[in-house]
Amino acid sequence: MAKSFLRTALDNLVEARQRRADLYATGALLTLDDASLKAMGLTREELRRRPSQRAII
């Protein structure tokens, strides 16, 4: 059965919010020092390869 218009709209909204949250989190993680990133199992290079957003509009 095909999805309804409202369900498709809701799915798109949730996906857009998730992408926005990922951008925000990546930008925030990039502000941490290397020791903190290493403690979380991340590297600055790995984070730089992810899409990021420097400022929230």
C-alpha atoms as a PDB file:
ATOM      1  CA  MET A   1       0.000   0.000   0.000  1.00  0.00           C
ATOM      2  CA  ALA A   2       1.288   3.446  -0.878  1.00  0.00           C
ATOM      3  CA  LYS A   3       2.098   5.906   1.874  1.00  0.00           C
ATOM      4  CA  SER A   4      -0.323   8.732   2.434  1.00  0.00           C
ATOM      5  CA  PHE A   5       0.629  12.301   1.684  1.00  0.00           C
ATOM      6  CA  LEU A   6       0.804  13.168   5.387  1.00  0.00           C
ATOM      7  CA  ARG A   7       3.001  10.187   6.209  1.00  0.00           C
ATOM      8  CA  THR A   8       5.413  11.079   3.413  1.00  0.00           C
ATOM      9  CA  ALA A   9       5.508  14.700   4.598  1.00  0.00           C
ATOM     10  CA  LEU A  10       6.197  13.590   8.180  1.00  0.00           C
ATOM     11  CA  ASP A  11       8.962  11.213   7.065  1.00  0.00           C
ATOM     12  CA  ASN A  12      10.595  14.020   5.076  1.00  0.00           C
ATOM     13  CA  LEU A  13      10.359  16.388   8.035  1.00  0.00           C
ATOM     14  CA  VAL A  14      11.959  13.852  10.379  1.00  0.00           C
ATOM     15  CA  GLU A  15      14.758  13.175   7.898  1.00  0.00           C
ATOM     16  CA  ALA A  16      15.474  16.888   7.480  1.00  0.00           C
ATOM     17  CA  ARG A  17      15.570  17.398  11.250  1.00  0.00           C
ATOM     18  CA  GLN A  18      17.961  14.460  11.621  1.00  0.00           C
ATOM     19  CA  ARG A  19      20.316  15.905   8.997  1.00  0.00           C
ATOM     20  CA  ARG A  20      20.198  19.290  10.754  1.00  0.00           C
ATOM     21  CA  ALA A  21      20.990  17.665  14.116  1.00  0.00           C
ATOM     22  CA  ASP A  22      23.907  15.752  12.564  1.00  0.00           C
ATOM     23  CA  LEU A  23      25.307  18.981  11.097  1.00  0.00           C
ATOM     24  CA  TYR A  24      25.002  20.736  14.445  1.00  0.00           C
ATOM     25  CA  ALA A  25      26.633  17.866  16.359  1.00  0.00           C
ATOM     26  CA  THR A  26      29.548  17.633  13.941  1.00  0.00           C
ATOM     27  CA  GLY A  27      30.176  21.364  14.221  1.00  0.00           C
ATOM     28  CA  ALA A  28      30.060  21.195  18.004  1.00  0.00           C
ATOM     29  CA  LEU A  29      32.451  18.226  18.091  1.00  0.00           C
ATOM     30  CA  LEU A  30      34.936  20.116  15.937  1.00  0.00           C
ATOM     31  CA  THR A  31      35.224  22.746  18.673  1.00  0.00           C
ATOM     32  CA  LEU A  32      36.587  20.175  21.142  1.00  0.00           C
ATOM     33  CA  ASP A  33      40.296  19.597  21.662  1.00  0.00           C
ATOM     34  CA  ASP A  34      42.090  16.558  20.224  1.00  0.00           C
ATOM     35  CA  ALA A  35      42.386  14.804  23.606  1.00  0.00           C
ATOM     36  CA  SER A  36      38.621  14.937  24.135  1.00  0.00           C
ATOM     37  CA  LEU A  37      37.961  13.660  20.625  1.00  0.00           C
ATOM     38  CA  LYS A  38      40.427  10.819  21.119  1.00  0.00           C
ATOM     39  CA  ALA A  39      38.674   9.849  24.383  1.00  0.00           C
ATOM     40  CA  MET A  40      35.443   9.507  22.364  1.00  0.00           C
ATOM     41  CA  GLY A  41      37.136   7.457  19.670  1.00  0.00           C
ATOM     42  CA  LEU A  42      36.980  10.198  17.041  1.00  0.00           C
ATOM     43  CA  THR A  43      39.603  12.040  15.054  1.00  0.00           C
ATOM     44  CA  ARG A  44      39.516  15.579  13.733  1.00  0.00           C
ATOM     45  CA  GLU A  45      40.113  14.293  10.178  1.00  0.00           C
ATOM     46  CA  GLU A  46      37.144  11.934  10.453  1.00  0.00           C
ATOM     47  CA  LEU A  47      34.935  14.812  11.561  1.00  0.00           C
ATOM     48  CA  ARG A  48      36.198  17.093   8.796  1.00  0.00           C
ATOM     49  CA  ARG A  49      35.114  14.542   6.190  1.00  0.00           C
ATOM     50  CA  ARG A  50      31.561  14.719   7.518  1.00  0.00           C
ATOM     51  CA  PRO A  51      29.368  17.582   6.379  1.00  0.00           C
ATOM     52  CA  SER A  52      29.341  20.303   9.006  1.00  0.00           C
ATOM     53  CA  GLN A  53      27.704  23.598   9.709  1.00  0.00           C
ATOM     54  CA  ARG A  54      29.803  26.260  11.363  1.00  0.00           C
ATOM     55  CA  ALA A  55      26.991  28.579  12.432  1.00  0.00           C
ATOM     56  CA  ILE A  56      23.338  28.077  13.233  1.00  0.00           C
ATOM     57  CA  ILE A  57      21.071  30.372  11.257  1.00  0.00           C
END
